């Protein structure tokens, strides 16, 4: 009986294996987004704090497409960064990455995202821009991808970039001044 059950279990797992493999072939889009409650903080105060970060602390330049609407509590900016792929000889080649930072506030919190990654594949043609997913597909189809691992390399670097930008913003928002003090208010002395 045990051998029959084990045989059925193994054949079921083998039958599902191609489906599981097919699902892992399509990489998920890279994005970091978060909804943060901030009861009573106020839409305007949150908006101004996010605007200050994008204008003065946003480290991903050159930045472009800056749009800020106080009435709507929204801020949007496109950032630029570099990632590195390797050529067939193992030498690093920089690739320009563009991404959007989007912020929306309301009276009781805010949400933000780092995403919409795009690539400038040829530095000699900076106006030619493709989505990161298209670029990743091209890298995967490259005959040398098994040797260079560029598809995984750039995916990891871009994921790291999304997390880094999000952590920088969240850290800045968490240090919101409260009655002249930055950070968390301490207890009575």
N, C-alpha and C. Protein backbone atom coordinates (compact mmCIF):
# COMPACT_ATOMS: atom_id res chain seq x y z
N UNK A 1 0.82 -1.19 0.00
CA UNK A 1 0.00 0.00 0.00
C UNK A 1 0.87 1.26 0.00
N UNK A 2 1.92 1.24 0.85
CA UNK A 2 2.82 2.40 0.93
C UNK A 2 3.51 2.65 -0.41
N UNK A 3 3.91 1.57 -1.08
CA UNK A 3 4.59 1.71 -2.37
C UNK A 3 3.64 2.29 -3.42
N UNK A 4 2.37 1.92 -3.38
CA UNK A 4 1.39 2.43 -4.33
C UNK A 4 1.18 3.92 -4.10
N UNK A 5 1.01 4.32 -2.84
CA UNK A 5 0.82 5.73 -2.51
C UNK A 5 2.05 6.55 -2.90
N UNK A 6 3.22 6.02 -2.60
CA UNK A 6 4.45 6.72 -2.95
C UNK A 6 4.58 6.86 -4.46
N UNK A 7 4.20 5.83 -5.20
CA UNK A 7 4.25 5.86 -6.66
C UNK A 7 3.29 6.90 -7.22
N UNK A 8 2.07 6.96 -6.67
CA UNK A 8 1.09 7.95 -7.11
C UNK A 8 1.57 9.37 -6.79
N UNK A 9 2.13 9.54 -5.62
CA UNK A 9 2.64 10.85 -5.22
C UNK A 9 3.77 11.31 -6.14
N UNK A 10 4.69 10.42 -6.43
CA UNK A 10 5.82 10.77 -7.30
C UNK A 10 5.34 11.09 -8.72
N UNK A 11 4.41 10.30 -9.25
CA UNK A 11 3.93 10.56 -10.61
C UNK A 11 3.16 11.88 -10.66
N UNK A 12 2.42 12.21 -9.61
CA UNK A 12 1.72 13.49 -9.55
C UNK A 12 2.69 14.67 -9.52
N UNK A 13 3.75 14.53 -8.77
CA UNK A 13 4.76 15.60 -8.70
C UNK A 13 5.45 15.77 -10.05
N UNK A 14 5.74 14.68 -10.71
CA UNK A 14 6.40 14.76 -12.02
C UNK A 14 5.47 15.37 -13.06
N UNK A 15 4.19 15.09 -12.95
CA UNK A 15 3.22 15.65 -13.91
C UNK A 15 3.09 17.16 -13.74
N UNK A 16 3.23 17.65 -12.52
CA UNK A 16 3.12 19.09 -12.25
C UNK A 16 4.41 19.84 -12.52
N UNK A 17 5.52 19.16 -12.59
CA UNK A 17 6.82 19.82 -12.74
C UNK A 17 6.91 20.74 -13.97
N UNK A 18 6.42 20.37 -15.16
CA UNK A 18 6.50 21.30 -16.29
C UNK A 18 5.70 22.59 -16.05
N UNK A 19 4.54 22.50 -15.37
CA UNK A 19 3.76 23.70 -15.08
C UNK A 19 4.52 24.63 -14.15
N UNK A 20 5.13 24.07 -13.12
CA UNK A 20 5.89 24.88 -12.18
C UNK A 20 7.06 25.53 -12.91
N UNK A 21 7.74 24.80 -13.76
CA UNK A 21 8.86 25.36 -14.51
C UNK A 21 8.40 26.50 -15.41
N UNK A 22 7.27 26.35 -16.06
CA UNK A 22 6.77 27.39 -16.95
C UNK A 22 6.44 28.66 -16.18
N UNK A 23 5.94 28.53 -14.96
CA UNK A 23 5.60 29.69 -14.16
C UNK A 23 6.85 30.46 -13.74
N UNK A 24 7.95 29.79 -13.50
CA UNK A 24 9.15 30.47 -13.04
C UNK A 24 9.93 31.10 -14.19
N UNK A 25 9.59 30.77 -15.44
CA UNK A 25 10.29 31.36 -16.58
C UNK A 25 9.95 32.83 -16.78
N UNK A 26 8.76 33.25 -16.42
CA UNK A 26 8.36 34.65 -16.61
C UNK A 26 8.64 35.41 -15.32
N UNK A 27 9.69 36.23 -15.31
CA UNK A 27 10.04 36.93 -14.09
C UNK A 27 9.00 38.00 -13.74
N UNK A 28 8.80 38.18 -12.47
CA UNK A 28 7.84 39.19 -12.01
C UNK A 28 8.43 40.58 -12.22
N UNK A 29 7.57 41.57 -12.48
CA UNK A 29 8.07 42.93 -12.62
C UNK A 29 8.70 43.40 -11.31
N UNK A 30 9.69 44.24 -11.43
CA UNK A 30 10.38 44.75 -10.25
C UNK A 30 9.69 46.03 -9.81
N UNK A 31 9.25 46.03 -8.58
CA UNK A 31 8.61 47.21 -8.00
C UNK A 31 8.62 47.08 -6.49
N UNK A 32 8.73 48.21 -5.83
CA UNK A 32 8.58 48.24 -4.38
C UNK A 32 7.49 49.25 -4.09
N UNK A 33 6.45 48.83 -3.39
CA UNK A 33 5.40 49.78 -3.02
C UNK A 33 4.96 49.48 -1.60
N UNK A 34 4.45 50.53 -0.96
CA UNK A 34 4.05 50.39 0.43
C UNK A 34 2.97 51.41 0.76
N UNK A 35 2.05 51.02 1.60
CA UNK A 35 1.01 51.90 2.12
C UNK A 35 1.33 52.07 3.61
N UNK A 36 1.48 53.32 4.05
CA UNK A 36 1.92 53.60 5.41
C UNK A 36 0.86 54.41 6.16
N UNK A 37 0.32 53.87 7.25
CA UNK A 37 -0.63 54.66 8.02
C UNK A 37 0.11 55.73 8.83
N UNK A 38 -0.46 56.91 8.89
CA UNK A 38 0.11 58.00 9.69
C UNK A 38 -1.06 58.83 10.20
N UNK A 39 -1.80 58.24 11.13
CA UNK A 39 -3.02 58.87 11.64
C UNK A 39 -2.75 60.28 12.14
N UNK A 40 -3.54 61.21 11.61
CA UNK A 40 -3.46 62.59 12.06
C UNK A 40 -2.28 63.38 11.55
N UNK A 41 -1.45 62.79 10.71
CA UNK A 41 -0.26 63.51 10.21
C UNK A 41 -0.66 64.65 9.29
N UNK A 42 -1.72 64.47 8.55
CA UNK A 42 -2.18 65.50 7.64
C UNK A 42 -1.58 65.37 6.26
N UNK A 43 -2.45 65.46 5.29
CA UNK A 43 -2.07 65.33 3.88
C UNK A 43 -1.02 66.35 3.46
N UNK A 44 -1.21 67.60 3.85
CA UNK A 44 -0.30 68.67 3.45
C UNK A 44 1.09 68.47 4.03
N UNK A 45 1.16 68.11 5.31
CA UNK A 45 2.47 67.89 5.95
C UNK A 45 3.21 66.72 5.31
N UNK A 46 2.48 65.64 5.03
CA UNK A 46 3.11 64.48 4.39
C UNK A 46 3.59 64.84 2.98
N UNK A 47 2.77 65.57 2.25
CA UNK A 47 3.12 66.00 0.90
C UNK A 47 4.41 66.84 0.93
N UNK A 48 4.48 67.82 1.84
CA UNK A 48 5.67 68.68 1.90
C UNK A 48 6.92 67.89 2.28
N UNK A 49 6.76 66.92 3.15
CA UNK A 49 7.91 66.08 3.54
C UNK A 49 8.41 65.27 2.34
N UNK A 50 7.49 64.67 1.59
CA UNK A 50 7.86 63.89 0.40
C UNK A 50 8.47 64.80 -0.67
N UNK A 51 7.92 65.98 -0.84
CA UNK A 51 8.45 66.93 -1.81
C UNK A 51 9.87 67.33 -1.44
N UNK A 52 10.11 67.57 -0.15
CA UNK A 52 11.45 67.92 0.31
C UNK A 52 12.45 66.80 0.00
N UNK A 53 12.04 65.55 0.21
CA UNK A 53 12.93 64.42 -0.09
C UNK A 53 13.26 64.37 -1.58
N UNK A 54 12.23 64.51 -2.43
CA UNK A 54 12.48 64.41 -3.87
C UNK A 54 13.33 65.58 -4.38
N UNK A 55 13.18 66.75 -3.76
CA UNK A 55 13.96 67.91 -4.21
C UNK A 55 15.37 67.94 -3.64
N UNK A 56 15.54 67.47 -2.40
CA UNK A 56 16.83 67.66 -1.72
C UNK A 56 17.58 66.38 -1.35
N UNK A 57 16.92 65.27 -1.27
CA UNK A 57 17.57 64.03 -0.82
C UNK A 57 17.54 62.91 -1.85
N UNK A 58 16.84 63.09 -2.94
CA UNK A 58 16.71 62.07 -3.98
C UNK A 58 18.06 61.91 -4.67
N UNK A 59 18.69 60.78 -4.44
CA UNK A 59 20.08 60.57 -4.87
C UNK A 59 20.22 59.91 -6.24
N UNK A 60 19.17 59.89 -7.03
CA UNK A 60 19.20 59.14 -8.29
C UNK A 60 19.06 60.09 -9.47
N UNK A 61 20.13 60.80 -9.74
CA UNK A 61 20.09 61.81 -10.79
C UNK A 61 20.92 61.41 -11.97
N UNK A 62 20.70 62.07 -13.07
CA UNK A 62 19.80 63.22 -13.18
C UNK A 62 18.34 62.78 -13.08
N UNK A 63 17.57 63.61 -12.39
CA UNK A 63 16.14 63.33 -12.27
C UNK A 63 15.39 64.15 -13.30
N UNK A 64 14.21 63.66 -13.66
CA UNK A 64 13.40 64.33 -14.67
C UNK A 64 11.94 64.09 -14.39
N UNK A 65 11.09 64.77 -15.13
CA UNK A 65 9.65 64.54 -15.04
C UNK A 65 9.06 64.86 -13.68
N UNK A 66 9.67 65.79 -12.95
CA UNK A 66 9.16 66.14 -11.62
C UNK A 66 7.77 66.76 -11.74
N UNK A 67 6.81 66.16 -11.03
CA UNK A 67 5.44 66.69 -10.98
C UNK A 67 4.99 66.64 -9.53
N UNK A 68 4.56 67.77 -9.03
CA UNK A 68 4.07 67.84 -7.66
C UNK A 68 2.77 68.62 -7.64
N UNK A 69 1.75 68.06 -7.01
CA UNK A 69 0.45 68.70 -6.90
C UNK A 69 0.02 68.69 -5.43
N UNK A 70 0.15 69.84 -4.79
CA UNK A 70 -0.16 69.93 -3.37
C UNK A 70 -1.61 69.57 -3.09
N UNK A 71 -2.54 70.08 -3.90
CA UNK A 71 -3.96 69.80 -3.68
C UNK A 71 -4.28 68.32 -3.72
N UNK A 72 -3.62 67.59 -4.60
CA UNK A 72 -3.84 66.15 -4.72
C UNK A 72 -2.94 65.36 -3.76
N UNK A 73 -1.93 66.02 -3.21
CA UNK A 73 -1.00 65.34 -2.32
C UNK A 73 -0.10 64.36 -3.03
N UNK A 74 0.24 64.67 -4.29
CA UNK A 74 1.04 63.72 -5.08
C UNK A 74 2.39 64.32 -5.49
N UNK A 75 3.37 63.45 -5.56
CA UNK A 75 4.70 63.80 -6.05
C UNK A 75 5.14 62.66 -6.96
N UNK A 76 5.74 63.01 -8.08
CA UNK A 76 6.25 62.00 -9.02
C UNK A 76 7.56 62.51 -9.59
N UNK A 77 8.54 61.64 -9.70
CA UNK A 77 9.83 62.00 -10.30
C UNK A 77 10.43 60.75 -10.93
N UNK A 78 11.17 60.96 -12.00
CA UNK A 78 11.90 59.87 -12.65
C UNK A 78 13.36 59.97 -12.26
N UNK A 79 13.91 58.88 -11.77
CA UNK A 79 15.31 58.82 -11.36
C UNK A 79 16.14 58.03 -12.35
N UNK A 80 17.44 58.20 -12.22
CA UNK A 80 18.40 57.54 -13.10
C UNK A 80 19.45 56.83 -12.25
N UNK A 81 19.85 55.67 -12.68
CA UNK A 81 20.91 54.95 -12.00
C UNK A 81 21.66 54.09 -13.02
N UNK A 82 22.69 53.44 -12.58
CA UNK A 82 23.48 52.55 -13.44
C UNK A 82 23.52 51.17 -12.82
N UNK A 83 23.46 50.17 -13.67
CA UNK A 83 23.69 48.79 -13.28
C UNK A 83 24.80 48.26 -14.19
N UNK A 84 25.36 47.13 -13.82
CA UNK A 84 26.47 46.60 -14.61
C UNK A 84 26.18 45.20 -15.11
N UNK A 85 26.39 45.02 -16.39
CA UNK A 85 26.36 43.70 -17.00
C UNK A 85 27.80 43.37 -17.36
N UNK A 86 28.06 42.16 -17.76
CA UNK A 86 29.41 41.80 -18.18
C UNK A 86 29.39 41.37 -19.63
N UNK A 87 30.49 41.67 -20.33
CA UNK A 87 30.58 41.24 -21.72
C UNK A 87 31.14 39.82 -21.75
N UNK A 88 31.38 39.30 -22.93
CA UNK A 88 31.85 37.92 -23.07
C UNK A 88 33.24 37.70 -22.51
N UNK A 89 33.99 38.79 -22.29
CA UNK A 89 35.33 38.69 -21.73
C UNK A 89 35.34 38.93 -20.23
N UNK A 90 34.15 39.13 -19.64
CA UNK A 90 34.04 39.33 -18.19
C UNK A 90 34.25 40.77 -17.74
N UNK A 91 34.27 41.71 -18.68
CA UNK A 91 34.46 43.12 -18.32
C UNK A 91 33.10 43.77 -18.07
N UNK A 92 33.07 44.64 -17.05
CA UNK A 92 31.83 45.35 -16.72
C UNK A 92 31.45 46.35 -17.79
N UNK A 93 30.16 46.43 -18.04
CA UNK A 93 29.59 47.43 -18.94
C UNK A 93 28.41 48.08 -18.22
N UNK A 94 28.44 49.40 -18.07
CA UNK A 94 27.36 50.10 -17.40
C UNK A 94 26.15 50.23 -18.31
N UNK A 95 24.99 50.08 -17.71
CA UNK A 95 23.72 50.22 -18.40
C UNK A 95 22.88 51.21 -17.59
N UNK A 96 22.30 52.20 -18.28
CA UNK A 96 21.49 53.21 -17.61
C UNK A 96 20.08 52.68 -17.38
N UNK A 97 19.61 52.88 -16.15
CA UNK A 97 18.26 52.46 -15.74
C UNK A 97 17.48 53.71 -15.34
N UNK A 98 16.25 53.80 -15.79
CA UNK A 98 15.33 54.87 -15.38
C UNK A 98 14.21 54.23 -14.58
N UNK A 99 13.69 54.95 -13.58
CA UNK A 99 12.58 54.43 -12.80
C UNK A 99 11.75 55.59 -12.26
N UNK A 100 10.53 55.28 -11.88
CA UNK A 100 9.62 56.30 -11.35
C UNK A 100 9.43 56.12 -9.86
N UNK A 101 9.45 57.25 -9.15
CA UNK A 101 9.06 57.30 -7.75
C UNK A 101 7.72 58.03 -7.72
N UNK A 102 6.71 57.41 -7.13
CA UNK A 102 5.37 58.00 -7.09
C UNK A 102 4.90 58.00 -5.64
N UNK A 103 4.38 59.15 -5.19
CA UNK A 103 3.92 59.34 -3.82
C UNK A 103 2.51 59.91 -3.82
N UNK A 104 1.64 59.40 -2.94
CA UNK A 104 0.29 59.93 -2.76
C UNK A 104 -0.01 59.99 -1.27
N UNK A 105 -0.46 61.15 -0.80
CA UNK A 105 -0.79 61.32 0.61
C UNK A 105 -2.29 61.53 0.80
N UNK A 106 -2.75 61.16 1.98
CA UNK A 106 -4.09 61.55 2.42
C UNK A 106 -3.96 61.96 3.88
N UNK A 107 -5.05 62.32 4.53
CA UNK A 107 -4.96 62.82 5.90
C UNK A 107 -4.46 61.79 6.91
N UNK A 108 -4.57 60.53 6.59
CA UNK A 108 -4.20 59.48 7.55
C UNK A 108 -3.08 58.57 7.09
N UNK A 109 -2.29 59.02 6.13
CA UNK A 109 -1.18 58.20 5.70
C UNK A 109 -0.77 58.50 4.27
N UNK A 110 0.04 57.62 3.73
CA UNK A 110 0.53 57.80 2.38
C UNK A 110 0.88 56.45 1.77
N UNK A 111 1.01 56.48 0.47
CA UNK A 111 1.50 55.31 -0.24
C UNK A 111 2.54 55.79 -1.24
N UNK A 112 3.49 54.92 -1.52
CA UNK A 112 4.53 55.27 -2.48
C UNK A 112 4.98 54.01 -3.20
N UNK A 113 5.60 54.24 -4.35
CA UNK A 113 6.14 53.11 -5.10
C UNK A 113 7.39 53.52 -5.84
N UNK A 114 8.24 52.55 -6.03
CA UNK A 114 9.44 52.68 -6.86
C UNK A 114 9.30 51.60 -7.91
N UNK A 115 9.14 52.00 -9.17
CA UNK A 115 8.91 51.00 -10.22
C UNK A 115 8.98 51.58 -11.60
N UNK A 116 8.30 50.94 -12.53
CA UNK A 116 8.31 51.33 -13.95
C UNK A 116 9.75 51.44 -14.47
N UNK A 117 10.53 50.41 -14.25
CA UNK A 117 11.94 50.43 -14.66
C UNK A 117 12.06 50.34 -16.18
N UNK A 118 12.93 51.17 -16.71
CA UNK A 118 13.23 51.20 -18.13
C UNK A 118 14.74 51.22 -18.32
N UNK A 119 15.17 50.81 -19.50
CA UNK A 119 16.60 50.68 -19.79
C UNK A 119 16.96 51.46 -21.03
N UNK A 120 18.13 52.09 -20.99
CA UNK A 120 18.73 52.70 -22.19
C UNK A 120 19.81 51.71 -22.62
N UNK A 121 19.49 50.79 -23.55
CA UNK A 121 20.41 49.71 -23.88
C UNK A 121 21.69 50.17 -24.57
N UNK A 122 21.63 51.26 -25.31
CA UNK A 122 22.80 51.74 -26.04
C UNK A 122 23.10 53.18 -25.61
N UNK A 123 24.23 53.40 -24.93
CA UNK A 123 24.54 54.75 -24.46
C UNK A 123 24.71 55.77 -25.59
N UNK A 124 24.95 55.28 -26.81
CA UNK A 124 25.09 56.18 -27.96
C UNK A 124 23.73 56.64 -28.48
N UNK A 125 22.67 55.99 -28.04
CA UNK A 125 21.30 56.35 -28.43
C UNK A 125 20.44 56.52 -27.18
N UNK A 126 20.66 57.62 -26.42
CA UNK A 126 19.96 57.78 -25.14
C UNK A 126 18.45 57.95 -25.27
N UNK A 127 17.96 58.27 -26.44
CA UNK A 127 16.51 58.42 -26.61
C UNK A 127 15.82 57.07 -26.83
N UNK A 128 16.59 56.04 -27.12
CA UNK A 128 16.02 54.70 -27.31
C UNK A 128 15.89 54.05 -25.93
N UNK A 129 14.64 53.89 -25.48
CA UNK A 129 14.37 53.36 -24.16
C UNK A 129 13.40 52.19 -24.30
N UNK A 130 13.69 51.08 -23.59
CA UNK A 130 12.80 49.92 -23.59
C UNK A 130 12.48 49.56 -22.14
N UNK A 131 11.41 48.81 -21.95
CA UNK A 131 11.06 48.39 -20.59
C UNK A 131 12.12 47.41 -20.08
N UNK A 132 12.23 47.35 -18.76
CA UNK A 132 13.19 46.43 -18.17
C UNK A 132 12.84 44.99 -18.53
N UNK A 133 11.54 44.68 -18.56
CA UNK A 133 11.13 43.31 -18.91
C UNK A 133 11.55 42.94 -20.33
N UNK A 134 11.44 43.88 -21.29
CA UNK A 134 11.92 43.62 -22.65
C UNK A 134 13.42 43.36 -22.66
N UNK A 135 14.14 44.19 -21.91
CA UNK A 135 15.59 44.05 -21.85
C UNK A 135 15.98 42.71 -21.22
N UNK A 136 15.26 42.34 -20.17
CA UNK A 136 15.53 41.07 -19.51
C UNK A 136 15.29 39.91 -20.46
N UNK A 137 14.26 40.00 -21.30
CA UNK A 137 13.97 38.96 -22.29
C UNK A 137 15.11 38.87 -23.30
N UNK A 138 15.61 40.03 -23.75
CA UNK A 138 16.76 40.04 -24.67
C UNK A 138 17.98 39.39 -24.04
N UNK A 139 18.24 39.69 -22.78
CA UNK A 139 19.39 39.10 -22.09
C UNK A 139 19.24 37.60 -21.97
N UNK A 140 18.03 37.16 -21.65
CA UNK A 140 17.80 35.72 -21.50
C UNK A 140 18.01 34.99 -22.82
N UNK A 141 17.66 35.63 -23.94
CA UNK A 141 17.79 35.01 -25.26
C UNK A 141 19.24 35.01 -25.76
N UNK A 142 20.09 35.83 -25.16
CA UNK A 142 21.49 35.90 -25.58
C UNK A 142 22.15 34.55 -25.39
N UNK A 143 22.90 34.11 -26.39
CA UNK A 143 23.52 32.78 -26.33
C UNK A 143 24.56 32.67 -25.22
N UNK A 144 25.09 33.80 -24.76
CA UNK A 144 26.11 33.76 -23.71
C UNK A 144 25.54 33.97 -22.31
N UNK A 145 24.22 34.00 -22.17
CA UNK A 145 23.62 34.26 -20.86
C UNK A 145 23.97 33.19 -19.83
N UNK A 146 24.14 31.95 -20.29
CA UNK A 146 24.53 30.89 -19.36
C UNK A 146 25.92 31.16 -18.78
N UNK A 147 26.74 31.83 -19.53
CA UNK A 147 28.11 32.15 -19.08
C UNK A 147 28.13 33.46 -18.28
N UNK A 148 27.42 34.47 -18.76
CA UNK A 148 27.49 35.79 -18.14
C UNK A 148 26.48 35.98 -17.01
N UNK A 149 25.36 35.27 -17.06
CA UNK A 149 24.27 35.41 -16.09
C UNK A 149 23.78 36.86 -16.01
N UNK A 150 23.85 37.57 -17.13
CA UNK A 150 23.44 38.97 -17.14
C UNK A 150 21.98 39.16 -16.76
N UNK A 151 21.12 38.25 -17.18
CA UNK A 151 19.70 38.39 -16.86
C UNK A 151 19.50 38.38 -15.34
N UNK A 152 20.11 37.44 -14.66
CA UNK A 152 19.99 37.37 -13.20
C UNK A 152 20.75 38.51 -12.53
N UNK A 153 21.90 38.84 -13.06
CA UNK A 153 22.74 39.90 -12.51
C UNK A 153 21.99 41.24 -12.51
N UNK A 154 21.42 41.61 -13.65
CA UNK A 154 20.71 42.89 -13.74
C UNK A 154 19.40 42.88 -12.98
N UNK A 155 18.73 41.74 -12.92
CA UNK A 155 17.51 41.63 -12.13
C UNK A 155 17.83 41.88 -10.65
N UNK A 156 18.89 41.27 -10.15
CA UNK A 156 19.28 41.45 -8.75
C UNK A 156 19.67 42.90 -8.46
N UNK A 157 20.45 43.51 -9.36
CA UNK A 157 20.86 44.89 -9.14
C UNK A 157 19.67 45.86 -9.18
N UNK A 158 18.75 45.61 -10.08
CA UNK A 158 17.57 46.48 -10.19
C UNK A 158 16.65 46.31 -8.99
N UNK A 159 16.49 45.08 -8.52
CA UNK A 159 15.70 44.84 -7.30
C UNK A 159 16.33 45.54 -6.11
N UNK A 160 17.64 45.48 -6.03
CA UNK A 160 18.36 46.16 -4.95
C UNK A 160 18.17 47.67 -5.04
N UNK A 161 18.19 48.21 -6.24
CA UNK A 161 17.98 49.64 -6.44
C UNK A 161 16.59 50.05 -5.96
N UNK A 162 15.57 49.27 -6.28
CA UNK A 162 14.20 49.57 -5.85
C UNK A 162 14.12 49.58 -4.33
N UNK A 163 14.71 48.59 -3.69
CA UNK A 163 14.69 48.52 -2.23
C UNK A 163 15.46 49.67 -1.60
N UNK A 164 16.61 49.98 -2.16
CA UNK A 164 17.45 51.07 -1.64
C UNK A 164 16.72 52.41 -1.69
N UNK A 165 16.10 52.71 -2.82
CA UNK A 165 15.37 53.98 -2.96
C UNK A 165 14.19 54.02 -1.99
N UNK A 166 13.48 52.91 -1.86
CA UNK A 166 12.34 52.85 -0.94
C UNK A 166 12.78 53.02 0.50
N UNK A 167 13.87 52.36 0.89
CA UNK A 167 14.37 52.49 2.26
C UNK A 167 14.83 53.90 2.56
N UNK A 168 15.47 54.54 1.59
CA UNK A 168 15.92 55.92 1.78
C UNK A 168 14.72 56.83 2.02
N UNK A 169 13.68 56.67 1.21
CA UNK A 169 12.48 57.49 1.37
C UNK A 169 11.80 57.21 2.70
N UNK A 170 11.61 55.95 3.03
CA UNK A 170 10.90 55.60 4.27
C UNK A 170 11.67 56.08 5.49
N UNK A 171 12.98 55.97 5.45
CA UNK A 171 13.80 56.46 6.56
C UNK A 171 13.62 57.96 6.73
N UNK A 172 13.61 58.68 5.63
CA UNK A 172 13.41 60.12 5.67
C UNK A 172 12.03 60.47 6.23
N UNK A 173 11.01 59.76 5.79
CA UNK A 173 9.65 60.02 6.27
C UNK A 173 9.51 59.66 7.76
N UNK A 174 10.23 58.64 8.20
CA UNK A 174 10.17 58.25 9.61
C UNK A 174 10.85 59.25 10.53
N UNK A 175 11.69 60.10 9.97
CA UNK A 175 12.38 61.10 10.79
C UNK A 175 11.65 62.44 10.73
N UNK A 176 10.34 62.38 10.52
CA UNK A 176 9.53 63.59 10.43
C UNK A 176 9.69 64.43 11.68
N UNK A 177 9.99 65.73 11.53
CA UNK A 177 10.12 66.58 12.70
C UNK A 177 8.81 66.66 13.49
N UNK A 178 8.91 66.55 14.79
CA UNK A 178 7.75 66.68 15.67
C UNK A 178 8.08 67.73 16.72
N UNK A 179 7.42 68.84 16.65
CA UNK A 179 7.62 69.93 17.59
C UNK A 179 9.10 70.30 17.72
N UNK A 180 9.75 70.46 16.59
CA UNK A 180 11.14 70.91 16.59
C UNK A 180 12.17 69.81 16.78
N UNK A 181 11.72 68.57 16.97
CA UNK A 181 12.66 67.46 17.15
C UNK A 181 12.55 66.52 15.96
N UNK A 182 13.66 65.96 15.55
CA UNK A 182 13.66 65.01 14.46
C UNK A 182 13.67 63.61 15.05
N UNK A 183 12.89 62.73 14.45
CA UNK A 183 12.88 61.34 14.88
C UNK A 183 11.83 61.07 15.93
N UNK A 184 12.01 59.98 16.65
CA UNK A 184 11.03 59.57 17.65
C UNK A 184 11.25 60.39 18.92
N UNK A 185 10.17 60.91 19.47
CA UNK A 185 10.26 61.70 20.69
C UNK A 185 10.63 60.79 21.87
N UNK A 186 11.52 61.26 22.69
CA UNK A 186 11.96 60.47 23.85
C UNK A 186 11.02 60.66 25.01
N UNK A 187 11.23 59.87 26.06
CA UNK A 187 10.38 59.94 27.25
C UNK A 187 10.76 61.11 28.14
N UNK A 188 10.04 61.27 29.21
CA UNK A 188 10.29 62.34 30.18
C UNK A 188 11.60 62.06 30.88
N UNK A 189 12.37 63.11 31.18
CA UNK A 189 13.63 62.92 31.91
C UNK A 189 13.48 63.36 33.33
